[in-house]
Amino acid sequence: MQTQTTSAATWNTQPRSEFGELAAIQMGRGIDILLLHGVGLRSEAWNEQIKALKERYSVIAPDMPGHGESPPLQGKATLTTYTERIVEALDGTTSNPLFVVGHSMGAMIALNLASNHPTRVHGLVALNAVYRRKPTAAAAVRQRANALDGVNATDPSGPLKRWFKDDASPEALACSEWLTEVSPAGYKTAYSVFAHSDGPADEDLKALACPALFMTGADDPNSTPTMSEAMAAHPPNGRSVVLDNAAHMMPMTHPEKVNSSLLTFLAHCLE
């Protein structure tokens, strides 16, 4: 997997502000863009996208509940539980339609938000989303979720191997730190929801009224190009993009290519 050059400083911790009951990096001015990260990460995973977007847009990048500086959810959680926590925060900050960009589990939340609150979403980008896992992949991810005890610190070796193979890049080191520091209970809750979700319902995809971009890496074994292409075939205004030589963590490893696609899509939506 080829990566674009970044430095360790790229992933430095950014200041947070209140976003409802969550903590979020908020920068820029203009139309709102909501960035939703994946399991075990934190808002800094979007640092390269924030840098590219903040000159033209108002960027909101919350820490997922139980991640970063956001408090955990209480009680049993579903994908909709995560979505509604985001919507509650939006109700206190903006009433304007917004663009929603999600990565991995964040993409699943973004799709759920667009389906359940269509008047809130002007455009949707799903990066490295899952859709109809093969039985062996579904069994493997659920086994990993069941093995988490919610008490002991997360062992980052498994995710890092899947995401980066043996790469010791600044991106891999940053993810290792975030995975080690994430709340074990928050990680287990989120990963369990992720493991038992199999992507949006076909009828929900067909009902998406907003433009929708589905993008993944050609080398992503779990959020495959076939998944993104299949999802993009359902919405009236859906399209897919596959990045060559990229895998699951492409917003971090291939920021220039991801940002170029994002900016092109946003400009198209605003024409």
C-alpha atoms as a PDB file:
ATOM      1  CA  MET A   1       0.000   0.000   0.000  1.00  0.00           C
ATOM      2  CA  GLN A   2       1.472   3.325  -1.075  1.00  0.00           C
ATOM      3  CA  THR A   3       0.968   6.290   1.243  1.00  0.00           C
ATOM      4  CA  GLN A   4       1.330  10.017   0.830  1.00  0.00           C
ATOM      5  CA  THR A   5       3.985  11.762   2.884  1.00  0.00           C
ATOM      6  CA  THR A   6       2.917  13.211   6.247  1.00  0.00           C
ATOM      7  CA  SER A   7       4.686  13.826   9.537  1.00  0.00           C
ATOM      8  CA  ALA A   8       3.930  12.765  13.089  1.00  0.00           C
ATOM      9  CA  ALA A   9       2.950  16.367  13.842  1.00  0.00           C
ATOM     10  CA  THR A  10       0.017  16.027  11.416  1.00  0.00           C
ATOM     11  CA  TRP A  11      -1.834  13.955  14.009  1.00  0.00           C
ATOM     12  CA  ASN A  12      -1.249  16.225  17.010  1.00  0.00           C
ATOM     13  CA  THR A  13      -4.191  16.734  19.367  1.00  0.00           C
ATOM     14  CA  GLN A  14      -6.452  19.665  18.439  1.00  0.00           C
ATOM     15  CA  PRO A  15      -8.486  21.866  20.821  1.00  0.00           C
ATOM     16  CA  ARG A  16     -12.084  20.807  21.426  1.00  0.00           C
ATOM     17  CA  SER A  17     -15.306  22.730  21.973  1.00  0.00           C
ATOM     18  CA  GLU A  18     -18.706  21.597  23.225  1.00  0.00           C
ATOM     19  CA  PHE A  19     -20.959  19.989  20.630  1.00  0.00           C
ATOM     20  CA  GLY A  20     -24.097  19.136  22.559  1.00  0.00           C
ATOM     21  CA  GLU A  21     -22.997  16.482  25.027  1.00  0.00           C
ATOM     22  CA  LEU A  22     -20.045  15.594  22.811  1.00  0.00           C
ATOM     23  CA  ALA A  23     -16.620  17.148  22.283  1.00  0.00           C
ATOM     24  CA  ALA A  24     -15.684  18.269  18.782  1.00  0.00           C
ATOM     25  CA  ILE A  25     -13.037  20.001  16.735  1.00  0.00           C
ATOM     26  CA  GLN A  26     -14.830  22.936  15.093  1.00  0.00           C
ATOM     27  CA  MET A  27     -13.117  25.177  12.561  1.00  0.00           C
ATOM     28  CA  GLY A  28     -13.900  27.383   9.574  1.00  0.00           C
ATOM     29  CA  ARG A  29     -16.923  29.297   8.331  1.00  0.00           C
ATOM     30  CA  GLY A  30     -19.623  28.591   5.782  1.00  0.00           C
ATOM     31  CA  ILE A  31     -21.860  25.622   5.069  1.00  0.00           C
ATOM     32  CA  ASP A  32     -21.589  22.953   7.769  1.00  0.00           C
ATOM     33  CA  ILE A  33     -19.684  19.750   7.103  1.00  0.00           C
ATOM     34  CA  LEU A  34     -19.955  16.986   9.702  1.00  0.00           C
ATOM     35  CA  LEU A  35     -17.052  14.503   9.850  1.00  0.00           C
ATOM     36  CA  LEU A  36     -17.707  11.195  11.653  1.00  0.00           C
ATOM     37  CA  HIS A  37     -14.734   8.950  12.476  1.00  0.00           C
ATOM     38  CA  GLY A  38     -14.549   5.181  12.933  1.00  0.00           C
ATOM     39  CA  VAL A  39     -14.287   2.810  15.894  1.00  0.00           C
ATOM     40  CA  GLY A  40     -11.289   3.297  18.178  1.00  0.00           C
ATOM     41  CA  LEU A  41     -10.229   6.591  16.620  1.00  0.00           C
ATOM     42  CA  ARG A  42     -10.835  10.229  17.488  1.00  0.00           C
ATOM     43  CA  SER A  43     -11.454  13.488  15.668  1.00  0.00           C
ATOM     44  CA  GLU A  44      -7.761  13.981  14.858  1.00  0.00           C
ATOM     45  CA  ALA A  45      -8.129  11.192  12.274  1.00  0.00           C
ATOM     46  CA  TRP A  46      -9.713  13.953  10.144  1.00  0.00           C
ATOM     47  CA  ASN A  47      -6.872  16.482  10.587  1.00  0.00           C
ATOM     48  CA  GLU A  48      -5.918  16.452   6.903  1.00  0.00           C
ATOM     49  CA  GLN A  49      -9.549  16.849   5.799  1.00  0.00           C
ATOM     50  CA  ILE A  50     -10.140  19.646   8.332  1.00  0.00           C
ATOM     51  CA  LYS A  51      -7.123  21.505   6.980  1.00  0.00           C
ATOM     52  CA  ALA A  52      -8.416  21.206   3.408  1.00  0.00           C
ATOM     53  CA  LEU A  53     -12.052  22.067   4.155  1.00  0.00           C
ATOM     54  CA  LYS A  54     -11.909  24.800   6.787  1.00  0.00           C
ATOM     55  CA  GLU A  55     -11.051  27.576   4.298  1.00  0.00           C
ATOM     56  CA  ARG A  56     -14.413  27.154   2.541  1.00  0.00           C
ATOM     57  CA  TYR A  57     -16.679  25.389   5.020  1.00  0.00           C
ATOM     58  CA  SER A  58     -17.592  25.187   8.693  1.00  0.00           C
ATOM     59  CA  VAL A  59     -16.182  21.842   9.831  1.00  0.00           C
ATOM     60  CA  ILE A  60     -17.570  19.888  12.794  1.00  0.00           C
ATOM     61  CA  ALA A  61     -15.604  16.764  13.749  1.00  0.00           C
ATOM     62  CA  PRO A  62     -17.008  15.212  16.941  1.00  0.00           C
ATOM     63  CA  ASP A  63     -15.453  12.461  18.985  1.00  0.00           C
ATOM     64  CA  MET A  64     -17.755   9.447  18.831  1.00  0.00           C
ATOM     65  CA  PRO A  65     -19.431   8.694  22.196  1.00  0.00           C
ATOM     66  CA  GLY A  66     -16.946   6.837  24.392  1.00  0.00           C
ATOM     67  CA  HIS A  67     -14.020   8.024  22.255  1.00  0.00           C
ATOM     68  CA  GLY A  68     -11.610  10.927  22.593  1.00  0.00           C
ATOM     69  CA  GLU A  69     -13.122  13.464  24.975  1.00  0.00           C
ATOM     70  CA  SER A  70     -16.799  12.507  24.470  1.00  0.00           C
ATOM     71  CA  PRO A  71     -18.653  10.691  27.275  1.00  0.00           C
ATOM     72  CA  PRO A  72     -19.899   7.145  26.640  1.00  0.00           C
ATOM     73  CA  LEU A  73     -23.446   6.106  25.890  1.00  0.00           C
ATOM     74  CA  GLN A  74     -25.491   4.641  28.725  1.00  0.00           C
ATOM     75  CA  GLY A  75     -27.324   1.352  28.385  1.00  0.00           C
ATOM     76  CA  LYS A  76     -27.747  -0.795  25.290  1.00  0.00           C
ATOM     77  CA  ALA A  77     -26.661   0.923  22.079  1.00  0.00           C
ATOM     78  CA  THR A  78     -27.659   0.554  18.444  1.00  0.00           C
ATOM     79  CA  LEU A  79     -26.507   2.356  15.333  1.00  0.00           C
ATOM     80  CA  THR A  80     -29.499   4.677  15.708  1.00  0.00           C
ATOM     81  CA  THR A  81     -28.409   5.476  19.281  1.00  0.00           C
ATOM     82  CA  TYR A  82     -25.169   6.915  17.923  1.00  0.00           C
ATOM     83  CA  THR A  83     -27.042   8.768  15.183  1.00  0.00           C
ATOM     84  CA  GLU A  84     -29.475  10.391  17.594  1.00  0.00           C
ATOM     85  CA  ARG A  85     -26.661  11.568  19.873  1.00  0.00           C
ATOM     86  CA  ILE A  86     -25.234  13.397  16.838  1.00  0.00           C
ATOM     87  CA  VAL A  87     -28.651  14.817  15.913  1.00  0.00           C
ATOM     88  CA  GLU A  88     -29.178  16.074  19.469  1.00  0.00           C
ATOM     89  CA  ALA A  89     -25.882  17.933  19.241  1.00  0.00           C
ATOM     90  CA  LEU A  90     -26.812  19.377  15.841  1.00  0.00           C
ATOM     91  CA  ASP A  91     -30.130  20.634  17.244  1.00  0.00           C
ATOM     92  CA  GLY A  92     -28.203  22.818  19.665  1.00  0.00           C
ATOM     93  CA  THR A  93     -25.743  24.213  17.133  1.00  0.00           C
ATOM     94  CA  THR A  94     -27.245  24.459  13.655  1.00  0.00           C
ATOM     95  CA  SER A  95     -30.585  24.100  11.906  1.00  0.00           C
ATOM     96  CA  ASN A  96     -29.106  24.359   8.429  1.00  0.00           C
ATOM     97  CA  PRO A  97     -28.852  21.444   5.988  1.00  0.00           C
ATOM     98  CA  LEU A  98     -25.346  20.059   6.101  1.00  0.00           C
ATOM     99  CA  PHE A  99     -22.973  17.714   4.357  1.00  0.00           C
ATOM    100  CA  VAL A 100     -22.144  14.514   6.240  1.00  0.00           C
ATOM    101  CA  VAL A 101     -18.894  12.611   5.689  1.00  0.00           C
ATOM    102  CA  GLY A 102     -18.307   9.364   7.555  1.00  0.00           C
ATOM    103  CA  HIS A 103     -15.492   6.829   7.652  1.00  0.00           C
ATOM    104  CA  SER A 104     -16.012   3.128   8.457  1.00  0.00           C
ATOM    105  CA  MET A 105     -18.538   3.006  11.337  1.00  0.00           C
ATOM    106  CA  GLY A 106     -18.830   6.772  10.920  1.00  0.00           C
ATOM    107  CA  ALA A 107     -20.034   6.108   7.362  1.00  0.00           C
ATOM    108  CA  MET A 108     -22.717   3.791   8.723  1.00  0.00           C
ATOM    109  CA  ILE A 109     -23.844   6.520  11.139  1.00  0.00           C
ATOM    110  CA  ALA A 110     -23.827   9.036   8.285  1.00  0.00           C
ATOM    111  CA  LEU A 111     -26.022   6.788   6.136  1.00  0.00           C
ATOM    112  CA  ASN A 112     -28.382   6.216   9.047  1.00  0.00           C
ATOM    113  CA  LEU A 113     -28.580   9.966   9.684  1.00  0.00           C
ATOM    114  CA  ALA A 114     -29.363  10.710   6.027  1.00  0.00           C
ATOM    115  CA  SER A 115     -32.100   8.058   6.004  1.00  0.00           C
ATOM    116  CA  ASN A 116     -33.721   9.034   9.313  1.00  0.00           C
ATOM    117  CA  HIS A 117     -33.322  12.815   8.948  1.00  0.00           C
ATOM    118  CA  PRO A 118     -33.346  13.482   5.195  1.00  0.00           C
ATOM    119  CA  THR A 119     -34.143  17.193   5.526  1.00  0.00           C
ATOM    120  CA  ARG A 120     -30.934  17.705   7.524  1.00  0.00           C
ATOM    121  CA  VAL A 121     -28.567  16.295   4.904  1.00  0.00           C
ATOM    122  CA  HIS A 122     -27.642  18.159   1.709  1.00  0.00           C
ATOM    123  CA  GLY A 123     -25.028  15.625   0.608  1.00  0.00           C
ATOM    124  CA  LEU A 124     -23.510  12.382   1.908  1.00  0.00           C
ATOM    125  CA  VAL A 125     -20.059  10.806   1.612  1.00  0.00           C
ATOM    126  CA  ALA A 126     -19.496   7.247   2.885  1.00  0.00           C
ATOM    127  CA  LEU A 127     -15.809   6.310   3.076  1.00  0.00           C
ATOM    128  CA  ASN A 128     -14.838   2.639   3.547  1.00  0.00           C
ATOM    129  CA  ALA A 129     -18.354   1.557   4.509  1.00  0.00           C
ATOM    130  CA  VAL A 130     -19.447  -2.069   4.828  1.00  0.00           C
ATOM    131  CA  TYR A 131     -22.351  -3.623   2.967  1.00  0.00           C
ATOM    132  CA  ARG A 132     -23.410  -7.263   3.047  1.00  0.00           C
ATOM    133  CA  ARG A 133     -20.288  -8.874   4.466  1.00  0.00           C
ATOM    134  CA  LYS A 134     -19.508 -12.389   3.333  1.00  0.00           C
ATOM    135  CA  PRO A 135     -20.351 -15.008   6.009  1.00  0.00           C
ATOM    136  CA  THR A 136     -16.697 -15.629   6.889  1.00  0.00           C
ATOM    137  CA  ALA A 137     -16.015 -11.884   7.292  1.00  0.00           C
ATOM    138  CA  ALA A 138     -19.195 -11.395   9.345  1.00  0.00           C
ATOM    139  CA  ALA A 139     -18.255 -14.267  11.662  1.00  0.00           C
ATOM    140  CA  ALA A 140     -14.715 -12.936  12.096  1.00  0.00           C
ATOM    141  CA  VAL A 141     -15.726  -9.388  13.030  1.00  0.00           C
ATOM    142  CA  ARG A 142     -18.357 -10.643  15.477  1.00  0.00           C
ATOM    143  CA  GLN A 143     -15.840 -12.986  17.078  1.00  0.00           C
ATOM    144  CA  ARG A 144     -13.504 -10.022  17.587  1.00  0.00           C
ATOM    145  CA  ALA A 145     -16.332  -8.024  19.166  1.00  0.00           C
ATOM    146  CA  ASN A 146     -17.271 -10.880  21.494  1.00  0.00           C
ATOM    147  CA  ALA A 147     -13.652 -11.194  22.653  1.00  0.00           C
ATOM    148  CA  LEU A 148     -13.615  -7.630  24.024  1.00  0.00           C
ATOM    149  CA  ASP A 149     -14.220  -7.426  27.769  1.00  0.00           C
ATOM    150  CA  GLY A 150     -14.835  -3.667  27.987  1.00  0.00           C
ATOM    151  CA  VAL A 151     -12.426  -3.399  30.926  1.00  0.00           C
ATOM    152  CA  ASN A 152      -8.869  -3.898  29.729  1.00  0.00           C
ATOM    153  CA  ALA A 153      -7.120  -1.531  27.349  1.00  0.00           C
ATOM    154  CA  THR A 154      -7.561  -2.306  23.677  1.00  0.00           C
ATOM    155  CA  ASP A 155      -4.782  -4.322  22.039  1.00  0.00           C
ATOM    156  CA  PRO A 156      -4.039  -2.310  18.884  1.00  0.00           C
ATOM    157  CA  SER A 157      -2.090  -5.040  17.092  1.00  0.00           C
ATOM    158  CA  GLY A 158      -5.095  -6.610  15.337  1.00  0.00           C
ATOM    159  CA  PRO A 159      -6.583  -3.410  13.884  1.00  0.00           C
ATOM    160  CA  LEU A 160      -3.130  -2.094  12.933  1.00  0.00           C
ATOM    161  CA  LYS A 161      -2.333  -5.313  11.070  1.00  0.00           C
ATOM    162  CA  ARG A 162      -5.614  -5.118   9.138  1.00  0.00           C
ATOM    163  CA  TRP A 163      -5.290  -1.392   8.426  1.00  0.00           C
ATOM    164  CA  PHE A 164      -1.563  -0.940   7.805  1.00  0.00           C
ATOM    165  CA  LYS A 165      -0.044  -4.445   7.518  1.00  0.00           C
ATOM    166  CA  ASP A 166       3.521  -3.943   8.793  1.00  0.00           C
ATOM    167  CA  ASP A 167       3.745  -0.227   8.058  1.00  0.00           C
ATOM    168  CA  ALA A 168       5.314   1.840  10.876  1.00  0.00           C
ATOM    169  CA  SER A 169       4.159   5.171   9.434  1.00  0.00           C
ATOM    170  CA  PRO A 170       3.094   8.217  11.488  1.00  0.00           C
ATOM    171  CA  GLU A 171      -0.497   7.245  10.676  1.00  0.00           C
ATOM    172  CA  ALA A 172      -0.054   3.755  12.114  1.00  0.00           C
ATOM    173  CA  LEU A 173       1.658   5.125  15.223  1.00  0.00           C
ATOM    174  CA  ALA A 174      -1.134   7.673  15.761  1.00  0.00           C
ATOM    175  CA  CYS A 175      -3.815   4.997  15.437  1.00  0.00           C
ATOM    176  CA  SER A 176      -1.902   2.766  17.842  1.00  0.00           C
ATOM    177  CA  GLU A 177      -1.930   5.543  20.432  1.00  0.00           C
ATOM    178  CA  TRP A 178      -5.639   6.284  19.963  1.00  0.00           C
ATOM    179  CA  LEU A 179      -6.617   2.612  20.149  1.00  0.00           C
ATOM    180  CA  THR A 180      -4.593   2.165  23.335  1.00  0.00           C
ATOM    181  CA  GLU A 181      -6.087   5.239  24.995  1.00  0.00           C
ATOM    182  CA  VAL A 182      -9.740   4.773  23.986  1.00  0.00           C
ATOM    183  CA  SER A 183     -12.180   3.821  26.757  1.00  0.00           C
ATOM    184  CA  PRO A 184     -12.373  -0.003  26.759  1.00  0.00           C
ATOM    185  CA  ALA A 185     -16.112   0.156  27.460  1.00  0.00           C
ATOM    186  CA  GLY A 186     -16.681   2.777  24.766  1.00  0.00           C
ATOM    187  CA  TYR A 187     -14.674   0.735  22.277  1.00  0.00           C
ATOM    188  CA  LYS A 188     -16.542  -2.493  23.048  1.00  0.00           C
ATOM    189  CA  THR A 189     -19.925  -0.801  22.702  1.00  0.00           C
ATOM    190  CA  ALA A 190     -19.061   0.800  19.375  1.00  0.00           C
ATOM    191  CA  TYR A 191     -17.290  -2.248  17.961  1.00  0.00           C
ATOM    192  CA  SER A 192     -20.216  -4.501  18.908  1.00  0.00           C
ATOM    193  CA  VAL A 193     -22.644  -2.222  17.054  1.00  0.00           C
ATOM    194  CA  PHE A 194     -20.278  -2.088  14.081  1.00  0.00           C
ATOM    195  CA  ALA A 195     -19.831  -5.870  14.049  1.00  0.00           C
ATOM    196  CA  HIS A 196     -23.559  -6.569  14.056  1.00  0.00           C
ATOM    197  CA  SER A 197     -24.432  -3.981  11.407  1.00  0.00           C
ATOM    198  CA  ASP A 198     -24.352  -5.124   7.801  1.00  0.00           C
ATOM    199  CA  GLY A 199     -24.845  -1.843   6.008  1.00  0.00           C
ATOM    200  CA  PRO A 200     -27.955   0.152   5.120  1.00  0.00           C
ATOM    201  CA  ALA A 201     -31.160  -1.479   3.934  1.00  0.00           C
ATOM    202  CA  ASP A 202     -31.612  -1.411   0.171  1.00  0.00           C
ATOM    203  CA  GLU A 203     -34.898   0.473   0.508  1.00  0.00           C
ATOM    204  CA  ASP A 204     -33.139   3.155   2.550  1.00  0.00           C
ATOM    205  CA  LEU A 205     -30.446   3.518  -0.104  1.00  0.00           C
ATOM    206  CA  LYS A 206     -33.066   3.790  -2.851  1.00  0.00           C
ATOM    207  CA  ALA A 207     -34.882   6.486  -0.851  1.00  0.00           C
ATOM    208  CA  LEU A 208     -31.815   8.710  -0.405  1.00  0.00           C
ATOM    209  CA  ALA A 209     -32.808  12.055  -1.874  1.00  0.00           C
ATOM    210  CA  CYS A 210     -29.440  13.789  -1.531  1.00  0.00           C
ATOM    211  CA  PRO A 211     -26.351  13.241  -3.690  1.00  0.00           C
ATOM    212  CA  ALA A 212     -24.314  10.362  -2.257  1.00  0.00           C
ATOM    213  CA  LEU A 213     -20.690   9.418  -2.838  1.00  0.00           C
ATOM    214  CA  PHE A 214     -19.398   5.989  -1.837  1.00  0.00           C
ATOM    215  CA  MET A 215     -15.620   5.742  -1.792  1.00  0.00           C
ATOM    216  CA  THR A 216     -13.158   3.071  -0.703  1.00  0.00           C
ATOM    217  CA  GLY A 217      -9.646   1.813  -1.381  1.00  0.00           C
ATOM    218  CA  ALA A 218      -8.852  -0.821  -3.988  1.00  0.00           C
ATOM    219  CA  ASP A 219      -6.812  -2.688  -1.356  1.00  0.00           C
ATOM    220  CA  ASP A 220      -9.390  -2.604   1.459  1.00  0.00           C
ATOM    221  CA  PRO A 221     -10.267  -6.273   2.148  1.00  0.00           C
ATOM    222  CA  ASN A 222     -13.208  -5.556   4.461  1.00  0.00           C
ATOM    223  CA  SER A 223     -14.831  -2.432   2.976  1.00  0.00           C
ATOM    224  CA  THR A 224     -14.374  -3.561  -0.582  1.00  0.00           C
ATOM    225  CA  PRO A 225     -14.842  -1.737  -3.891  1.00  0.00           C
ATOM    226  CA  THR A 226     -17.684  -4.151  -4.654  1.00  0.00           C
ATOM    227  CA  MET A 227     -19.499  -2.951  -1.526  1.00  0.00           C
ATOM    228  CA  SER A 228     -19.184   0.735  -2.434  1.00  0.00           C
ATOM    229  CA  GLU A 229     -20.218   0.115  -6.028  1.00  0.00           C
ATOM    230  CA  ALA A 230     -23.250  -1.914  -4.939  1.00  0.00           C
ATOM    231  CA  MET A 231     -24.404   0.799  -2.513  1.00  0.00           C
ATOM    232  CA  ALA A 232     -23.903   3.546  -5.103  1.00  0.00           C
ATOM    233  CA  ALA A 233     -26.156   1.707  -7.575  1.00  0.00           C
ATOM    234  CA  HIS A 234     -29.256   2.229  -5.404  1.00  0.00           C
ATOM    235  CA  PRO A 235     -29.675   5.982  -4.754  1.00  0.00           C
ATOM    236  CA  PRO A 236     -31.044   8.149  -7.589  1.00  0.00           C
ATOM    237  CA  ASN A 237     -27.937  10.360  -7.338  1.00  0.00           C
ATOM    238  CA  GLY A 238     -25.272   7.937  -6.162  1.00  0.00           C
ATOM    239  CA  ARG A 239     -21.755   7.396  -7.443  1.00  0.00           C
ATOM    240  CA  SER A 240     -18.697   5.446  -6.386  1.00  0.00           C
ATOM    241  CA  VAL A 241     -14.961   6.150  -6.405  1.00  0.00           C
ATOM    242  CA  VAL A 242     -12.214   3.571  -5.790  1.00  0.00           C
ATOM    243  CA  LEU A 243      -8.739   4.825  -4.920  1.00  0.00           C
ATOM    244  CA  ASP A 244      -5.872   2.754  -6.287  1.00  0.00           C
ATOM    245  CA  ASN A 245      -3.176   1.568  -3.850  1.00  0.00           C
ATOM    246  CA  ALA A 246      -5.305   2.630  -0.856  1.00  0.00           C
ATOM    247  CA  ALA A 247      -6.837   0.585   1.948  1.00  0.00           C
ATOM    248  CA  HIS A 248      -9.070   1.152   4.977  1.00  0.00           C
ATOM    249  CA  MET A 249      -7.367   4.182   6.491  1.00  0.00           C
ATOM    250  CA  MET A 250      -7.224   6.184   3.260  1.00  0.00           C
ATOM    251  CA  PRO A 251      -8.414   9.500   4.813  1.00  0.00           C
ATOM    252  CA  MET A 252      -5.129   9.407   6.755  1.00  0.00           C
ATOM    253  CA  THR A 253      -2.840   7.590   4.302  1.00  0.00           C
ATOM    254  CA  HIS A 254      -4.106   9.204   1.074  1.00  0.00           C
ATOM    255  CA  PRO A 255      -5.431  12.606   2.172  1.00  0.00           C
ATOM    256  CA  GLU A 256      -4.727  14.480  -1.069  1.00  0.00           C
ATOM    257  CA  LYS A 257      -6.734  12.018  -3.166  1.00  0.00           C
ATOM    258  CA  VAL A 258      -9.550  11.821  -0.624  1.00  0.00           C
ATOM    259  CA  ASN A 259      -9.679  15.606  -0.252  1.00  0.00           C
ATOM    260  CA  SER A 260      -9.737  16.125  -4.010  1.00  0.00           C
ATOM    261  CA  SER A 261     -12.748  13.810  -4.333  1.00  0.00           C
ATOM    262  CA  LEU A 262     -14.486  15.492  -1.392  1.00  0.00           C
ATOM    263  CA  LEU A 263     -14.000  19.006  -2.739  1.00  0.00           C
ATOM    264  CA  THR A 264     -15.163  17.987  -6.221  1.00  0.00           C
ATOM    265  CA  PHE A 265     -18.264  16.323  -4.786  1.00  0.00           C
ATOM    266  CA  LEU A 266     -19.112  19.290  -2.567  1.00  0.00           C
ATOM    267  CA  ALA A 267     -18.723  21.722  -5.452  1.00  0.00           C
ATOM    268  CA  HIS A 268     -21.003  19.553  -7.578  1.00  0.00           C
ATOM    269  CA  CYS A 269     -23.672  19.477  -4.856  1.00  0.00           C
ATOM    270  CA  LEU A 270     -23.609  23.273  -4.591  1.00  0.00           C
ATOM    271  CA  GLU A 271     -23.893  23.993  -8.311  1.00  0.00           C
END
